[in-house]
PDB file of all heavy atoms in Angstrom:
ATOM      1  N   PRO A   1      12.198  -2.085   6.733  1.00  0.00           N
ATOM      2  CA  PRO A   1      11.569  -1.131   5.820  1.00  0.00           C
ATOM      3  C   PRO A   1      10.113  -0.952   6.250  1.00  0.00           C
ATOM      4  O   PRO A   1       9.432  -1.932   6.579  1.00  0.00           O
ATOM      5  CB  PRO A   1      11.677  -1.806   4.456  1.00  0.00           C
ATOM      6  CG  PRO A   1      11.849  -3.256   4.743  1.00  0.00           C
ATOM      7  CD  PRO A   1      12.494  -3.361   6.098  1.00  0.00           C
ATOM      8  N   ILE A   2       9.673   0.296   6.269  1.00  0.00           N
ATOM      9  CA  ILE A   2       8.348   0.633   6.795  1.00  0.00           C
ATOM     10  C   ILE A   2       7.662   1.592   5.827  1.00  0.00           C
ATOM     11  O   ILE A   2       8.291   2.510   5.303  1.00  0.00           O
ATOM     12  CB  ILE A   2       8.459   1.314   8.179  1.00  0.00           C
ATOM     13  CG1 ILE A   2       9.137   0.390   9.183  1.00  0.00           C
ATOM     14  CG2 ILE A   2       7.099   1.775   8.681  1.00  0.00           C
ATOM     15  CD1 ILE A   2       9.573   1.097  10.463  1.00  0.00           C
ATOM     16  N   LEU A   3       6.379   1.388   5.646  1.00  0.00           N
ATOM     17  CA  LEU A   3       5.557   2.344   4.914  1.00  0.00           C
ATOM     18  C   LEU A   3       4.401   2.738   5.818  1.00  0.00           C
ATOM     19  O   LEU A   3       3.648   1.880   6.275  1.00  0.00           O
ATOM     20  CB  LEU A   3       5.013   1.736   3.617  1.00  0.00           C
ATOM     21  CG  LEU A   3       4.183   2.690   2.751  1.00  0.00           C
ATOM     22  CD1 LEU A   3       5.062   3.799   2.167  1.00  0.00           C
ATOM     23  CD2 LEU A   3       3.463   1.931   1.652  1.00  0.00           C
ATOM     24  N   LEU A   4       4.295   4.030   6.114  1.00  0.00           N
ATOM     25  CA  LEU A   4       3.132   4.547   6.832  1.00  0.00           C
ATOM     26  C   LEU A   4       2.110   4.962   5.788  1.00  0.00           C
ATOM     27  O   LEU A   4       2.430   5.669   4.832  1.00  0.00           O
ATOM     28  CB  LEU A   4       3.493   5.767   7.683  1.00  0.00           C
ATOM     29  CG  LEU A   4       4.435   5.561   8.855  1.00  0.00           C
ATOM     30  CD1 LEU A   4       4.599   6.879   9.619  1.00  0.00           C
ATOM     31  CD2 LEU A   4       3.934   4.477   9.779  1.00  0.00           C
ATOM     32  N   ASP A   5       0.881   4.535   5.984  1.00  0.00           N
ATOM     33  CA  ASP A   5      -0.213   4.823   5.065  1.00  0.00           C
ATOM     34  C   ASP A   5      -1.304   5.545   5.849  1.00  0.00           C
ATOM     35  O   ASP A   5      -2.012   4.936   6.646  1.00  0.00           O
ATOM     36  CB  ASP A   5      -0.729   3.497   4.490  1.00  0.00           C
ATOM     37  CG  ASP A   5      -1.943   3.642   3.592  1.00  0.00           C
ATOM     38  OD1 ASP A   5      -2.316   4.772   3.232  1.00  0.00           O
ATOM     39  OD2 ASP A   5      -2.531   2.592   3.250  1.00  0.00           O
ATOM     40  N   VAL A   6      -1.403   6.866   5.654  1.00  0.00           N
ATOM     41  CA  VAL A   6      -2.440   7.649   6.324  1.00  0.00           C
ATOM     42  C   VAL A   6      -3.686   7.530   5.443  1.00  0.00           C
ATOM     43  O   VAL A   6      -3.756   8.110   4.359  1.00  0.00           O
ATOM     44  CB  VAL A   6      -2.014   9.118   6.521  1.00  0.00           C
ATOM     45  CG1 VAL A   6      -3.116   9.891   7.236  1.00  0.00           C
ATOM     46  CG2 VAL A   6      -0.709   9.190   7.297  1.00  0.00           C
ATOM     47  N   HIS A   7      -4.639   6.750   5.922  1.00  0.00           N
ATOM     48  CA  HIS A   7      -5.734   6.262   5.099  1.00  0.00           C
ATOM     49  C   HIS A   7      -7.092   6.660   5.677  1.00  0.00           C
ATOM     50  O   HIS A   7      -7.294   6.620   6.882  1.00  0.00           O
ATOM     51  CB  HIS A   7      -5.635   4.726   5.050  1.00  0.00           C
ATOM     52  CG  HIS A   7      -6.642   4.083   4.187  1.00  0.00           C
ATOM     53  ND1 HIS A   7      -6.430   3.844   2.861  1.00  0.00           N
ATOM     54  CD2 HIS A   7      -7.887   3.611   4.460  1.00  0.00           C
ATOM     55  CE1 HIS A   7      -7.492   3.255   2.346  1.00  0.00           C
ATOM     56  NE2 HIS A   7      -8.387   3.100   3.299  1.00  0.00           N
ATOM     57  N   ALA A   8      -8.014   7.018   4.779  1.00  0.00           N
ATOM     58  CA  ALA A   8      -9.414   7.247   5.157  1.00  0.00           C
ATOM     59  C   ALA A   8     -10.281   6.331   4.304  1.00  0.00           C
ATOM     60  O   ALA A   8     -10.081   6.241   3.085  1.00  0.00           O
ATOM     61  CB  ALA A   8      -9.804   8.705   4.930  1.00  0.00           C
ATOM     62  N   TRP A   9     -11.225   5.658   4.906  1.00  0.00           N
ATOM     63  CA  TRP A   9     -12.057   4.687   4.192  1.00  0.00           C
ATOM     64  C   TRP A   9     -12.845   5.327   3.060  1.00  0.00           C
ATOM     65  O   TRP A   9     -13.149   4.691   2.062  1.00  0.00           O
ATOM     66  CB  TRP A   9     -13.012   3.965   5.155  1.00  0.00           C
ATOM     67  CG  TRP A   9     -14.053   4.857   5.747  1.00  0.00           C
ATOM     68  CD1 TRP A   9     -13.984   5.551   6.918  1.00  0.00           C
ATOM     69  CD2 TRP A   9     -15.324   5.178   5.186  1.00  0.00           C
ATOM     70  NE1 TRP A   9     -15.122   6.293   7.120  1.00  0.00           N
ATOM     71  CE2 TRP A   9     -15.965   6.079   6.065  1.00  0.00           C
ATOM     72  CE3 TRP A   9     -15.990   4.818   4.015  1.00  0.00           C
ATOM     73  CZ2 TRP A   9     -17.225   6.611   5.820  1.00  0.00           C
ATOM     74  CZ3 TRP A   9     -17.255   5.351   3.778  1.00  0.00           C
ATOM     75  CH2 TRP A   9     -17.859   6.220   4.678  1.00  0.00           C
ATOM     76  N   TRP A  10     -13.165   6.603   3.174  1.00  0.00           N
ATOM     77  CA  TRP A  10     -14.007   7.304   2.213  1.00  0.00           C
ATOM     78  C   TRP A  10     -13.208   7.985   1.091  1.00  0.00           C
ATOM     79  O   TRP A  10     -13.778   8.583   0.193  1.00  0.00           O
ATOM     80  CB  TRP A  10     -14.845   8.357   2.944  1.00  0.00           C
ATOM     81  CG  TRP A  10     -14.050   9.154   3.947  1.00  0.00           C
ATOM     82  CD1 TRP A  10     -13.971   8.920   5.294  1.00  0.00           C
ATOM     83  CD2 TRP A  10     -13.201  10.278   3.698  1.00  0.00           C
ATOM     84  NE1 TRP A  10     -13.130   9.836   5.891  1.00  0.00           N
ATOM     85  CE2 TRP A  10     -12.644  10.685   4.928  1.00  0.00           C
ATOM     86  CE3 TRP A  10     -12.863  10.990   2.555  1.00  0.00           C
ATOM     87  CZ2 TRP A  10     -11.779  11.754   5.047  1.00  0.00           C
ATOM     88  CZ3 TRP A  10     -11.992  12.064   2.673  1.00  0.00           C
ATOM     89  CH2 TRP A  10     -11.462  12.437   3.920  1.00  0.00           C
ATOM     90  N   CYS A  11     -11.902   7.858   1.131  1.00  0.00           N
ATOM     91  CA  CYS A  11     -11.013   8.587   0.214  1.00  0.00           C
ATOM     92  C   CYS A  11     -10.695   7.752  -1.037  1.00  0.00           C
ATOM     93  O   CYS A  11     -10.044   6.712  -0.932  1.00  0.00           O
ATOM     94  CB  CYS A  11      -9.732   8.944   0.965  1.00  0.00           C
ATOM     95  SG  CYS A  11      -8.410   9.595  -0.062  1.00  0.00           S
ATOM     96  N   PRO A  12     -11.105   8.205  -2.231  1.00  0.00           N
ATOM     97  CA  PRO A  12     -10.807   7.443  -3.448  1.00  0.00           C
ATOM     98  C   PRO A  12      -9.308   7.389  -3.769  1.00  0.00           C
ATOM     99  O   PRO A  12      -8.828   6.403  -4.323  1.00  0.00           O
ATOM    100  CB  PRO A  12     -11.590   8.165  -4.543  1.00  0.00           C
ATOM    101  CG  PRO A  12     -11.862   9.524  -4.008  1.00  0.00           C
ATOM    102  CD  PRO A  12     -11.901   9.395  -2.506  1.00  0.00           C
ATOM    103  N   VAL A  13      -8.575   8.414  -3.409  1.00  0.00           N
ATOM    104  CA  VAL A  13      -7.121   8.403  -3.630  1.00  0.00           C
ATOM    105  C   VAL A  13      -6.476   7.340  -2.737  1.00  0.00           C
ATOM    106  O   VAL A  13      -5.599   6.591  -3.175  1.00  0.00           O
ATOM    107  CB  VAL A  13      -6.505   9.802  -3.393  1.00  0.00           C
ATOM    108  CG1 VAL A  13      -4.987   9.757  -3.460  1.00  0.00           C
ATOM    109  CG2 VAL A  13      -7.058  10.803  -4.411  1.00  0.00           C
ATOM    110  N   CYS A  14      -6.934   7.239  -1.498  1.00  0.00           N
ATOM    111  CA  CYS A  14      -6.426   6.212  -0.583  1.00  0.00           C
ATOM    112  C   CYS A  14      -6.695   4.816  -1.135  1.00  0.00           C
ATOM    113  O   CYS A  14      -5.837   3.937  -1.066  1.00  0.00           O
ATOM    114  CB  CYS A  14      -7.080   6.349   0.793  1.00  0.00           C
ATOM    115  SG  CYS A  14      -6.778   7.907   1.634  1.00  0.00           S
ATOM    116  N   ALA A  15      -7.872   4.611  -1.690  1.00  0.00           N
ATOM    117  CA  ALA A  15      -8.226   3.307  -2.255  1.00  0.00           C
ATOM    118  C   ALA A  15      -7.309   2.968  -3.430  1.00  0.00           C
ATOM    119  O   ALA A  15      -6.842   1.827  -3.551  1.00  0.00           O
ATOM    120  CB  ALA A  15      -9.681   3.298  -2.694  1.00  0.00           C
ATOM    121  N   SER A  16      -7.028   3.944  -4.268  1.00  0.00           N
ATOM    122  CA  SER A  16      -6.130   3.719  -5.396  1.00  0.00           C
ATOM    123  C   SER A  16      -4.716   3.397  -4.916  1.00  0.00           C
ATOM    124  O   SER A  16      -4.068   2.477  -5.420  1.00  0.00           O
ATOM    125  CB  SER A  16      -6.116   4.954  -6.305  1.00  0.00           C
ATOM    126  OG  SER A  16      -5.205   4.776  -7.363  1.00  0.00           O
ATOM    127  N   GLN A  17      -4.249   4.153  -3.920  1.00  0.00           N
ATOM    128  CA  GLN A  17      -2.922   3.883  -3.352  1.00  0.00           C
ATOM    129  C   GLN A  17      -2.866   2.472  -2.772  1.00  0.00           C
ATOM    130  O   GLN A  17      -1.885   1.748  -2.972  1.00  0.00           O
ATOM    131  CB  GLN A  17      -2.589   4.894  -2.254  1.00  0.00           C
ATOM    132  CG  GLN A  17      -2.301   6.280  -2.747  1.00  0.00           C
ATOM    133  CD  GLN A  17      -2.098   7.262  -1.609  1.00  0.00           C
ATOM    134  OE1 GLN A  17      -2.561   7.056  -0.484  1.00  0.00           O
ATOM    135  NE2 GLN A  17      -1.408   8.357  -1.889  1.00  0.00           N
ATOM    136  N   ASN A  18      -3.902   2.087  -2.054  1.00  0.00           N
ATOM    137  CA  ASN A  18      -3.945   0.762  -1.435  1.00  0.00           C
ATOM    138  C   ASN A  18      -3.866  -0.341  -2.491  1.00  0.00           C
ATOM    139  O   ASN A  18      -3.162  -1.339  -2.301  1.00  0.00           O
ATOM    140  CB  ASN A  18      -5.218   0.626  -0.596  1.00  0.00           C
ATOM    141  CG  ASN A  18      -5.229  -0.629   0.223  1.00  0.00           C
ATOM    142  OD1 ASN A  18      -4.279  -0.937   0.935  1.00  0.00           O
ATOM    143  ND2 ASN A  18      -6.313  -1.376   0.119  1.00  0.00           N
ATOM    144  N   HIS A  19      -4.553  -0.157  -3.588  1.00  0.00           N
ATOM    145  CA  HIS A  19      -4.511  -1.133  -4.682  1.00  0.00           C
ATOM    146  C   HIS A  19      -3.074  -1.269  -5.211  1.00  0.00           C
ATOM    147  O   HIS A  19      -2.583  -2.383  -5.400  1.00  0.00           O
ATOM    148  CB  HIS A  19      -5.466  -0.700  -5.788  1.00  0.00           C
ATOM    149  CG  HIS A  19      -5.466  -1.606  -6.966  1.00  0.00           C
ATOM    150  ND1 HIS A  19      -6.075  -2.843  -6.945  1.00  0.00           N
ATOM    151  CD2 HIS A  19      -4.918  -1.477  -8.187  1.00  0.00           C
ATOM    152  CE1 HIS A  19      -5.893  -3.427  -8.119  1.00  0.00           C
ATOM    153  NE2 HIS A  19      -5.196  -2.617  -8.896  1.00  0.00           N
ATOM    154  N   THR A  20      -2.416  -0.150  -5.423  1.00  0.00           N
ATOM    155  CA  THR A  20      -1.028  -0.169  -5.913  1.00  0.00           C
ATOM    156  C   THR A  20      -0.106  -0.825  -4.901  1.00  0.00           C
ATOM    157  O   THR A  20       0.728  -1.666  -5.257  1.00  0.00           O
ATOM    158  CB  THR A  20      -0.549   1.258  -6.233  1.00  0.00           C
ATOM    159  OG1 THR A  20      -1.388   1.801  -7.261  1.00  0.00           O
ATOM    160  CG2 THR A  20       0.894   1.269  -6.693  1.00  0.00           C
ATOM    161  N   ILE A  21      -0.239  -0.469  -3.634  1.00  0.00           N
ATOM    162  CA  ILE A  21       0.612  -1.044  -2.588  1.00  0.00           C
ATOM    163  C   ILE A  21       0.468  -2.564  -2.568  1.00  0.00           C
ATOM    164  O   ILE A  21       1.460  -3.292  -2.525  1.00  0.00           O
ATOM    165  CB  ILE A  21       0.277  -0.432  -1.207  1.00  0.00           C
ATOM    166  CG1 ILE A  21       0.702   1.037  -1.165  1.00  0.00           C
ATOM    167  CG2 ILE A  21       0.941  -1.224  -0.077  1.00  0.00           C
ATOM    168  CD1 ILE A  21       0.117   1.821   0.004  1.00  0.00           C
ATOM    169  N   LYS A  22      -0.760  -3.053  -2.630  1.00  0.00           N
ATOM    170  CA  LYS A  22      -0.991  -4.508  -2.583  1.00  0.00           C
ATOM    171  C   LYS A  22      -0.413  -5.219  -3.804  1.00  0.00           C
ATOM    172  O   LYS A  22       0.006  -6.361  -3.702  1.00  0.00           O
ATOM    173  CB  LYS A  22      -2.469  -4.799  -2.409  1.00  0.00           C
ATOM    174  CG  LYS A  22      -2.928  -4.499  -0.997  1.00  0.00           C
ATOM    175  CD  LYS A  22      -4.347  -4.891  -0.756  1.00  0.00           C
ATOM    176  CE  LYS A  22      -4.685  -4.647   0.706  1.00  0.00           C
ATOM    177  NZ  LYS A  22      -6.041  -5.034   1.029  1.00  0.00           N
ATOM    178  N   GLN A  23      -0.362  -4.547  -4.942  1.00  0.00           N
ATOM    179  CA  GLN A  23       0.269  -5.136  -6.132  1.00  0.00           C
ATOM    180  C   GLN A  23       1.790  -5.167  -5.978  1.00  0.00           C
ATOM    181  O   GLN A  23       2.426  -6.170  -6.276  1.00  0.00           O
ATOM    182  CB  GLN A  23      -0.097  -4.341  -7.386  1.00  0.00           C
ATOM    183  CG  GLN A  23      -1.499  -4.569  -7.873  1.00  0.00           C
ATOM    184  CD  GLN A  23      -1.784  -3.761  -9.120  1.00  0.00           C
ATOM    185  OE1 GLN A  23      -1.230  -2.686  -9.328  1.00  0.00           O
ATOM    186  NE2 GLN A  23      -2.664  -4.281  -9.958  1.00  0.00           N
ATOM    187  N   VAL A  24       2.361  -4.067  -5.507  1.00  0.00           N
ATOM    188  CA  VAL A  24       3.816  -3.946  -5.409  1.00  0.00           C
ATOM    189  C   VAL A  24       4.384  -4.954  -4.415  1.00  0.00           C
ATOM    190  O   VAL A  24       5.418  -5.570  -4.673  1.00  0.00           O
ATOM    191  CB  VAL A  24       4.225  -2.503  -5.023  1.00  0.00           C
ATOM    192  CG1 VAL A  24       5.710  -2.409  -4.704  1.00  0.00           C
ATOM    193  CG2 VAL A  24       3.864  -1.531  -6.150  1.00  0.00           C
ATOM    194  N   VAL A  25       3.716  -5.158  -3.294  1.00  0.00           N
ATOM    195  CA  VAL A  25       4.273  -6.030  -2.253  1.00  0.00           C
ATOM    196  C   VAL A  25       4.259  -7.509  -2.611  1.00  0.00           C
ATOM    197  O   VAL A  25       4.803  -8.322  -1.866  1.00  0.00           O
ATOM    198  CB  VAL A  25       3.598  -5.828  -0.876  1.00  0.00           C
ATOM    199  CG1 VAL A  25       3.763  -4.396  -0.393  1.00  0.00           C
ATOM    200  CG2 VAL A  25       2.134  -6.232  -0.898  1.00  0.00           C
ATOM    201  N   LEU A  26       3.705  -7.863  -3.749  1.00  0.00           N
ATOM    202  CA  LEU A  26       3.755  -9.254  -4.184  1.00  0.00           C
ATOM    203  C   LEU A  26       5.171  -9.665  -4.574  1.00  0.00           C
ATOM    204  O   LEU A  26       5.484 -10.847  -4.612  1.00  0.00           O
ATOM    205  CB  LEU A  26       2.792  -9.485  -5.350  1.00  0.00           C
ATOM    206  CG  LEU A  26       1.312  -9.353  -5.001  1.00  0.00           C
ATOM    207  CD1 LEU A  26       0.458  -9.510  -6.247  1.00  0.00           C
ATOM    208  CD2 LEU A  26       0.907 -10.348  -3.926  1.00  0.00           C
ATOM    209  N   SER A  27       6.025  -8.695  -4.828  1.00  0.00           N
ATOM    210  CA  SER A  27       7.417  -8.984  -5.168  1.00  0.00           C
ATOM    211  C   SER A  27       8.170  -9.429  -3.920  1.00  0.00           C
ATOM    212  O   SER A  27       7.982  -8.868  -2.831  1.00  0.00           O
ATOM    213  CB  SER A  27       8.074  -7.724  -5.733  1.00  0.00           C
ATOM    214  OG  SER A  27       9.476  -7.862  -5.743  1.00  0.00           O
ATOM    215  N   PRO A  28       9.076 -10.417  -4.052  1.00  0.00           N
ATOM    216  CA  PRO A  28       9.866 -10.866  -2.903  1.00  0.00           C
ATOM    217  C   PRO A  28      10.737  -9.764  -2.299  1.00  0.00           C
ATOM    218  O   PRO A  28      11.153  -9.862  -1.156  1.00  0.00           O
ATOM    219  CB  PRO A  28      10.743 -11.987  -3.451  1.00  0.00           C
ATOM    220  CG  PRO A  28      10.279 -12.273  -4.823  1.00  0.00           C
ATOM    221  CD  PRO A  28       9.349 -11.190  -5.259  1.00  0.00           C
ATOM    222  N   ALA A  29      10.976  -8.698  -3.046  1.00  0.00           N
ATOM    223  CA  ALA A  29      11.788  -7.587  -2.533  1.00  0.00           C
ATOM    224  C   ALA A  29      11.132  -6.910  -1.328  1.00  0.00           C
ATOM    225  O   ALA A  29      11.800  -6.197  -0.575  1.00  0.00           O
ATOM    226  CB  ALA A  29      12.029  -6.558  -3.632  1.00  0.00           C
ATOM    227  N   TYR A  30       9.841  -7.138  -1.143  1.00  0.00           N
ATOM    228  CA  TYR A  30       9.098  -6.454  -0.067  1.00  0.00           C
ATOM    229  C   TYR A  30       8.683  -7.390   1.055  1.00  0.00           C
ATOM    230  O   TYR A  30       7.823  -7.051   1.860  1.00  0.00           O
ATOM    231  CB  TYR A  30       7.881  -5.738  -0.666  1.00  0.00           C
ATOM    232  CG  TYR A  30       8.292  -4.686  -1.649  1.00  0.00           C
ATOM    233  CD1 TYR A  30       8.323  -4.957  -3.009  1.00  0.00           C
ATOM    234  CD2 TYR A  30       8.718  -3.439  -1.206  1.00  0.00           C
ATOM    235  CE1 TYR A  30       8.753  -4.003  -3.919  1.00  0.00           C
ATOM    236  CE2 TYR A  30       9.148  -2.483  -2.107  1.00  0.00           C
ATOM    237  CZ  TYR A  30       9.163  -2.769  -3.456  1.00  0.00           C
ATOM    238  OH  TYR A  30       9.595  -1.814  -4.341  1.00  0.00           O
ATOM    239  N   ASP A  31       9.305  -8.553   1.159  1.00  0.00           N
ATOM    240  CA  ASP A  31       8.872  -9.511   2.173  1.00  0.00           C
ATOM    241  C   ASP A  31       9.194  -9.078   3.597  1.00  0.00           C
ATOM    242  O   ASP A  31       8.622  -9.594   4.538  1.00  0.00           O
ATOM    243  CB  ASP A  31       9.405 -10.915   1.889  1.00  0.00           C
ATOM    244  CG  ASP A  31      10.916 -11.011   1.923  1.00  0.00           C
ATOM    245  OD1 ASP A  31      11.597  -9.976   1.996  1.00  0.00           O
ATOM    246  OD2 ASP A  31      11.418 -12.139   1.855  1.00  0.00           O
ATOM    247  N   LYS A  32      10.065  -8.101   3.780  1.00  0.00           N
ATOM    248  CA  LYS A  32      10.365  -7.601   5.126  1.00  0.00           C
ATOM    249  C   LYS A  32       9.643  -6.274   5.430  1.00  0.00           C
ATOM    250  O   LYS A  32       9.702  -5.769   6.544  1.00  0.00           O
ATOM    251  CB  LYS A  32      11.868  -7.419   5.291  1.00  0.00           C
ATOM    252  CG  LYS A  32      12.620  -8.749   5.217  1.00  0.00           C
ATOM    253  CD  LYS A  32      14.033  -8.598   5.700  1.00  0.00           C
ATOM    254  CE  LYS A  32      14.865  -9.822   5.643  1.00  0.00           C
ATOM    255  NZ  LYS A  32      14.268 -11.101   5.654  1.00  0.00           N
ATOM    256  N   LEU A  33       8.946  -5.739   4.434  1.00  0.00           N
ATOM    257  CA  LEU A  33       8.249  -4.459   4.590  1.00  0.00           C
ATOM    258  C   LEU A  33       7.067  -4.593   5.548  1.00  0.00           C
ATOM    259  O   LEU A  33       6.320  -5.572   5.499  1.00  0.00           O
ATOM    260  CB  LEU A  33       7.735  -3.967   3.227  1.00  0.00           C
ATOM    261  CG  LEU A  33       6.951  -2.658   3.240  1.00  0.00           C
ATOM    262  CD1 LEU A  33       7.893  -1.475   3.441  1.00  0.00           C
ATOM    263  CD2 LEU A  33       6.188  -2.496   1.933  1.00  0.00           C
TER     264      LEU A  33
END
């Protein structure tokens, strides 16, 4: 399983997405992602 994240350091939407991604991957369901 792969997630591509097209990210810009200056983008507030990217920062919000990154926060959500880091929360979601704490679940064992994402250990191969």
